[in-house]
Amino acid sequence: MKKIKEIAVMQAEAELSLGERALKIGNDGKARVCARRACSFVIFYWLQNHPEFDFGKTAISLLENIRDLNSFPENVNLAAKRLTTKVNMQFDTGYKENPIDDARIIINYFLS
């Protein structure tokens, strides 16, 4: 199981790195996609030990379920909410938080 965890963390870190680069060049949409994917690697790992949860098979469905369940800490719910909020016509979510920071909140929770 330790090897699987290490792989999930490596995959998540690779996505976060891509997301950070996307933010630096102003591609916020790609950064959000990378942040969601990074979360999904770690959440899928966590779900292997928590089969009582059925969060779906996509990064969005995982985060939507986390967003909506009160069994997770508020900061995790809020980070998931920001990562799942749809953009408006100006490609804005209305949040100023960094999606990579939100992903790290979620990742750290599911790794602890």
N, C-alpha and C. Protein backbone atom coordinates (compact mmCIF):
# COMPACT_ATOMS: atom_id res chain seq x y z
N MET A 1 0.82 -1.20 0.00
CA MET A 1 0.00 0.00 0.00
C MET A 1 0.87 1.26 0.00
N LYS A 2 2.05 1.17 0.64
CA LYS A 2 2.92 2.34 0.68
C LYS A 2 3.34 2.75 -0.73
N LYS A 3 3.63 1.78 -1.57
CA LYS A 3 4.05 2.06 -2.95
C LYS A 3 2.94 2.79 -3.71
N ILE A 4 1.70 2.35 -3.51
CA ILE A 4 0.56 2.98 -4.18
C ILE A 4 0.42 4.43 -3.71
N LYS A 5 0.62 4.66 -2.42
CA LYS A 5 0.55 6.02 -1.89
C LYS A 5 1.64 6.89 -2.52
N GLU A 6 2.85 6.36 -2.61
CA GLU A 6 3.95 7.12 -3.20
C GLU A 6 3.66 7.48 -4.65
N ILE A 7 3.08 6.56 -5.39
CA ILE A 7 2.72 6.82 -6.79
C ILE A 7 1.66 7.92 -6.87
N ALA A 8 0.64 7.83 -6.01
CA ALA A 8 -0.42 8.84 -6.00
C ALA A 8 0.16 10.22 -5.69
N VAL A 9 1.07 10.28 -4.73
CA VAL A 9 1.68 11.57 -4.36
C VAL A 9 2.53 12.10 -5.51
N MET A 10 3.30 11.23 -6.15
CA MET A 10 4.12 11.66 -7.29
C MET A 10 3.26 12.19 -8.43
N GLN A 11 2.15 11.50 -8.72
CA GLN A 11 1.26 11.96 -9.78
C GLN A 11 0.63 13.30 -9.42
N ALA A 12 0.22 13.43 -8.17
CA ALA A 12 -0.39 14.68 -7.72
C ALA A 12 0.61 15.83 -7.81
N GLU A 13 1.83 15.59 -7.36
CA GLU A 13 2.85 16.64 -7.40
C GLU A 13 3.17 17.05 -8.84
N ALA A 14 3.19 16.09 -9.74
CA ALA A 14 3.43 16.41 -11.16
C ALA A 14 2.33 17.32 -11.70
N GLU A 15 1.08 17.01 -11.36
CA GLU A 15 -0.04 17.86 -11.80
C GLU A 15 0.03 19.24 -11.17
N LEU A 16 0.38 19.30 -9.89
CA LEU A 16 0.48 20.61 -9.23
C LEU A 16 1.58 21.45 -9.87
N SER A 17 2.66 20.81 -10.25
CA SER A 17 3.74 21.52 -10.91
C SER A 17 3.28 22.09 -12.26
N LEU A 18 2.54 21.28 -13.03
CA LEU A 18 1.98 21.77 -14.29
C LEU A 18 1.02 22.93 -14.04
N GLY A 19 0.22 22.81 -12.99
CA GLY A 19 -0.74 23.86 -12.65
C GLY A 19 -0.05 25.15 -12.25
N GLU A 20 1.03 25.04 -11.50
CA GLU A 20 1.78 26.25 -11.11
C GLU A 20 2.37 26.94 -12.33
N ARG A 21 2.88 26.15 -13.27
CA ARG A 21 3.41 26.75 -14.51
C ARG A 21 2.30 27.42 -15.31
N ALA A 22 1.13 26.79 -15.34
CA ALA A 22 -0.01 27.38 -16.07
C ALA A 22 -0.41 28.72 -15.44
N LEU A 23 -0.42 28.78 -14.12
CA LEU A 23 -0.75 30.05 -13.45
C LEU A 23 0.24 31.15 -13.82
N LYS A 24 1.51 30.79 -13.89
CA LYS A 24 2.55 31.79 -14.18
C LYS A 24 2.38 32.42 -15.55
N ILE A 25 1.81 31.67 -16.49
CA ILE A 25 1.62 32.24 -17.83
C ILE A 25 0.18 32.73 -18.04
N GLY A 26 -0.60 32.74 -16.96
CA GLY A 26 -1.95 33.29 -17.02
C GLY A 26 -3.02 32.33 -17.50
N ASN A 27 -2.74 31.04 -17.53
CA ASN A 27 -3.72 30.06 -17.97
C ASN A 27 -4.42 29.47 -16.75
N ASP A 28 -5.32 30.26 -16.17
CA ASP A 28 -6.02 29.84 -14.95
C ASP A 28 -6.87 28.60 -15.15
N GLY A 29 -7.46 28.45 -16.33
CA GLY A 29 -8.30 27.29 -16.61
C GLY A 29 -7.50 26.00 -16.54
N LYS A 30 -6.32 26.00 -17.14
CA LYS A 30 -5.48 24.81 -17.09
C LYS A 30 -5.02 24.55 -15.66
N ALA A 31 -4.74 25.60 -14.92
CA ALA A 31 -4.32 25.44 -13.53
C ALA A 31 -5.41 24.75 -12.71
N ARG A 32 -6.67 25.13 -12.94
CA ARG A 32 -7.79 24.50 -12.22
C ARG A 32 -7.94 23.03 -12.61
N VAL A 33 -7.77 22.73 -13.89
CA VAL A 33 -7.84 21.34 -14.34
C VAL A 33 -6.74 20.52 -13.68
N CYS A 34 -5.54 21.05 -13.66
CA CYS A 34 -4.42 20.34 -13.03
C CYS A 34 -4.66 20.16 -11.54
N ALA A 35 -5.19 21.18 -10.89
CA ALA A 35 -5.48 21.09 -9.46
C ALA A 35 -6.51 19.98 -9.19
N ARG A 36 -7.54 19.92 -10.01
CA ARG A 36 -8.56 18.88 -9.82
C ARG A 36 -7.98 17.49 -10.05
N ARG A 37 -7.17 17.36 -11.09
CA ARG A 37 -6.55 16.05 -11.36
C ARG A 37 -5.62 15.64 -10.23
N ALA A 38 -4.85 16.60 -9.71
CA ALA A 38 -3.94 16.31 -8.59
C ALA A 38 -4.73 15.75 -7.40
N CYS A 39 -5.84 16.38 -7.10
CA CYS A 39 -6.69 15.90 -6.01
C CYS A 39 -7.18 14.49 -6.28
N SER A 40 -7.56 14.22 -7.51
CA SER A 40 -8.16 12.92 -7.83
C SER A 40 -7.19 11.77 -7.56
N PHE A 41 -5.91 11.94 -7.84
CA PHE A 41 -4.94 10.86 -7.59
C PHE A 41 -4.94 10.47 -6.11
N VAL A 42 -4.91 11.47 -5.25
CA VAL A 42 -4.84 11.20 -3.82
C VAL A 42 -6.18 10.71 -3.28
N ILE A 43 -7.26 11.27 -3.76
CA ILE A 43 -8.58 10.82 -3.30
C ILE A 43 -8.83 9.39 -3.72
N PHE A 44 -8.47 9.02 -4.94
CA PHE A 44 -8.64 7.62 -5.37
C PHE A 44 -7.81 6.69 -4.47
N TYR A 45 -6.62 7.11 -4.11
CA TYR A 45 -5.80 6.32 -3.18
C TYR A 45 -6.54 6.16 -1.84
N TRP A 46 -7.04 7.26 -1.31
CA TRP A 46 -7.75 7.26 -0.02
C TRP A 46 -8.98 6.35 -0.07
N LEU A 47 -9.68 6.37 -1.19
CA LEU A 47 -10.91 5.57 -1.32
C LEU A 47 -10.64 4.07 -1.26
N GLN A 48 -9.43 3.66 -1.56
CA GLN A 48 -9.10 2.23 -1.46
C GLN A 48 -9.27 1.72 -0.03
N ASN A 49 -9.08 2.60 0.93
CA ASN A 49 -9.22 2.24 2.34
C ASN A 49 -10.56 2.68 2.92
N HIS A 50 -11.40 3.29 2.11
CA HIS A 50 -12.71 3.78 2.56
C HIS A 50 -13.78 3.40 1.54
N PRO A 51 -14.03 2.11 1.39
CA PRO A 51 -14.99 1.66 0.36
C PRO A 51 -16.43 2.06 0.64
N GLU A 52 -16.69 2.58 1.83
CA GLU A 52 -18.05 3.01 2.15
C GLU A 52 -18.45 4.27 1.38
N PHE A 53 -17.47 4.95 0.80
CA PHE A 53 -17.74 6.15 0.01
C PHE A 53 -17.73 5.80 -1.47
N ASP A 54 -18.74 6.29 -2.19
CA ASP A 54 -18.79 6.14 -3.63
C ASP A 54 -18.86 7.55 -4.22
N PHE A 55 -17.71 8.04 -4.62
CA PHE A 55 -17.61 9.42 -5.09
C PHE A 55 -17.63 9.53 -6.61
N GLY A 56 -17.80 8.43 -7.31
CA GLY A 56 -17.78 8.48 -8.76
C GLY A 56 -16.40 8.22 -9.31
N LYS A 57 -16.25 8.43 -10.60
CA LYS A 57 -15.02 8.05 -11.30
C LYS A 57 -14.25 9.22 -11.90
N THR A 58 -14.77 10.44 -11.79
CA THR A 58 -14.07 11.58 -12.39
C THR A 58 -13.59 12.54 -11.30
N ALA A 59 -12.62 13.35 -11.65
CA ALA A 59 -12.11 14.34 -10.69
C ALA A 59 -13.23 15.25 -10.23
N ILE A 60 -14.09 15.67 -11.14
CA ILE A 60 -15.20 16.56 -10.77
C ILE A 60 -16.16 15.86 -9.83
N SER A 61 -16.53 14.62 -10.12
CA SER A 61 -17.49 13.93 -9.24
C SER A 61 -16.89 13.70 -7.86
N LEU A 62 -15.60 13.41 -7.79
CA LEU A 62 -14.95 13.26 -6.49
C LEU A 62 -15.07 14.55 -5.68
N LEU A 63 -14.70 15.65 -6.32
CA LEU A 63 -14.71 16.94 -5.62
C LEU A 63 -16.12 17.41 -5.29
N GLU A 64 -17.08 17.15 -6.17
CA GLU A 64 -18.47 17.54 -5.88
C GLU A 64 -18.99 16.79 -4.65
N ASN A 65 -18.66 15.52 -4.55
CA ASN A 65 -19.10 14.75 -3.38
C ASN A 65 -18.43 15.25 -2.11
N ILE A 66 -17.16 15.56 -2.18
CA ILE A 66 -16.46 16.09 -1.01
C ILE A 66 -17.03 17.44 -0.63
N ARG A 67 -17.31 18.25 -1.61
CA ARG A 67 -17.90 19.57 -1.39
C ARG A 67 -19.22 19.46 -0.62
N ASP A 68 -20.01 18.44 -0.95
CA ASP A 68 -21.37 18.33 -0.43
C ASP A 68 -21.50 17.54 0.87
N LEU A 69 -20.43 16.86 1.28
CA LEU A 69 -20.51 16.06 2.51
C LEU A 69 -20.01 16.84 3.71
N ASN A 70 -20.82 16.90 4.74
CA ASN A 70 -20.45 17.62 5.96
C ASN A 70 -19.48 16.84 6.84
N SER A 71 -19.13 15.62 6.44
CA SER A 71 -18.23 14.81 7.26
C SER A 71 -16.77 15.22 7.08
N PHE A 72 -16.50 16.13 6.15
CA PHE A 72 -15.15 16.63 5.96
C PHE A 72 -15.03 18.02 6.58
N PRO A 73 -13.81 18.42 6.95
CA PRO A 73 -13.63 19.76 7.53
C PRO A 73 -14.08 20.86 6.57
N GLU A 74 -14.48 21.96 7.14
CA GLU A 74 -15.01 23.07 6.35
C GLU A 74 -14.00 23.57 5.31
N ASN A 75 -12.73 23.65 5.68
CA ASN A 75 -11.74 24.15 4.71
C ASN A 75 -11.61 23.22 3.51
N VAL A 76 -11.81 21.92 3.72
CA VAL A 76 -11.77 20.95 2.63
C VAL A 76 -13.01 21.11 1.75
N ASN A 77 -14.19 21.25 2.40
CA ASN A 77 -15.42 21.47 1.64
C ASN A 77 -15.32 22.74 0.79
N LEU A 78 -14.81 23.82 1.38
CA LEU A 78 -14.72 25.09 0.66
C LEU A 78 -13.72 25.03 -0.49
N ALA A 79 -12.59 24.35 -0.27
CA ALA A 79 -11.61 24.20 -1.36
C ALA A 79 -12.23 23.40 -2.50
N ALA A 80 -12.97 22.34 -2.17
CA ALA A 80 -13.65 21.55 -3.22
C ALA A 80 -14.71 22.39 -3.92
N LYS A 81 -15.39 23.23 -3.17
CA LYS A 81 -16.41 24.11 -3.78
C LYS A 81 -15.76 25.05 -4.79
N ARG A 82 -14.65 25.65 -4.41
CA ARG A 82 -13.98 26.57 -5.34
C ARG A 82 -13.49 25.85 -6.59
N LEU A 83 -12.99 24.62 -6.42
CA LEU A 83 -12.47 23.88 -7.57
C LEU A 83 -13.57 23.35 -8.48
N THR A 84 -14.80 23.29 -7.98
CA THR A 84 -15.90 22.78 -8.81
C THR A 84 -16.83 23.88 -9.32
N THR A 85 -16.60 25.11 -8.89
CA THR A 85 -17.44 26.21 -9.35
C THR A 85 -17.19 26.46 -10.83
N LYS A 86 -18.26 26.54 -11.57
CA LYS A 86 -18.15 26.79 -13.01
C LYS A 86 -17.76 28.25 -13.26
N VAL A 87 -17.04 28.47 -14.32
CA VAL A 87 -16.65 29.83 -14.69
C VAL A 87 -17.82 30.55 -15.35
N ASN A 88 -17.82 31.88 -15.26
CA ASN A 88 -18.86 32.67 -15.91
C ASN A 88 -18.42 33.02 -17.34
N MET A 89 -19.16 33.89 -17.99
CA MET A 89 -18.86 34.26 -19.38
C MET A 89 -17.49 34.93 -19.53
N GLN A 90 -16.97 35.49 -18.45
CA GLN A 90 -15.65 36.13 -18.48
C GLN A 90 -14.56 35.14 -18.02
N PHE A 91 -14.92 33.86 -17.93
CA PHE A 91 -14.00 32.81 -17.49
C PHE A 91 -13.48 33.07 -16.08
N ASP A 92 -14.38 33.53 -15.22
CA ASP A 92 -14.04 33.84 -13.83
C ASP A 92 -14.93 33.02 -12.91
N THR A 93 -14.38 32.56 -11.81
CA THR A 93 -15.16 31.79 -10.83
C THR A 93 -15.72 32.67 -9.73
N GLY A 94 -15.20 33.88 -9.60
CA GLY A 94 -15.62 34.74 -8.50
C GLY A 94 -14.75 34.55 -7.26
N TYR A 95 -13.80 33.64 -7.32
CA TYR A 95 -12.90 33.39 -6.19
C TYR A 95 -11.50 33.89 -6.53
N LYS A 96 -10.84 34.41 -5.54
CA LYS A 96 -9.47 34.89 -5.75
C LYS A 96 -8.43 33.88 -5.26
N GLU A 97 -8.88 32.81 -4.59
CA GLU A 97 -7.96 31.80 -4.09
C GLU A 97 -7.26 31.10 -5.24
N ASN A 98 -6.05 30.68 -4.97
CA ASN A 98 -5.23 29.96 -5.93
C ASN A 98 -5.71 28.51 -5.99
N PRO A 99 -6.04 27.98 -7.16
CA PRO A 99 -6.53 26.60 -7.24
C PRO A 99 -5.49 25.58 -6.79
N ILE A 100 -4.21 25.90 -6.94
CA ILE A 100 -3.16 24.99 -6.49
C ILE A 100 -3.16 24.93 -4.97
N ASP A 101 -3.37 26.06 -4.32
CA ASP A 101 -3.47 26.08 -2.85
C ASP A 101 -4.68 25.27 -2.39
N ASP A 102 -5.80 25.42 -3.11
CA ASP A 102 -6.99 24.63 -2.77
C ASP A 102 -6.72 23.14 -2.91
N ALA A 103 -6.01 22.76 -3.98
CA ALA A 103 -5.68 21.35 -4.17
C ALA A 103 -4.82 20.84 -3.02
N ARG A 104 -3.87 21.65 -2.59
CA ARG A 104 -3.00 21.23 -1.49
C ARG A 104 -3.78 21.04 -0.19
N ILE A 105 -4.79 21.86 0.06
CA ILE A 105 -5.65 21.68 1.24
C ILE A 105 -6.29 20.30 1.19
N ILE A 106 -6.86 19.98 0.05
CA ILE A 106 -7.56 18.70 -0.11
C ILE A 106 -6.57 17.53 -0.05
N ILE A 107 -5.47 17.64 -0.74
CA ILE A 107 -4.46 16.58 -0.77
C ILE A 107 -3.92 16.32 0.63
N ASN A 108 -3.56 17.39 1.34
CA ASN A 108 -3.03 17.21 2.69
C ASN A 108 -4.02 16.53 3.61
N TYR A 109 -5.29 16.87 3.48
CA TYR A 109 -6.30 16.23 4.31
C TYR A 109 -6.38 14.73 4.00
N PHE A 110 -6.44 14.37 2.74
CA PHE A 110 -6.63 12.97 2.38
C PHE A 110 -5.36 12.13 2.56
N LEU A 111 -4.22 12.77 2.72
CA LEU A 111 -3.00 12.03 3.01
C LEU A 111 -2.76 11.88 4.52
N SER A 112 -3.45 12.68 5.31
CA SER A 112 -3.22 12.62 6.77
C SER A 112 -3.97 11.49 7.43
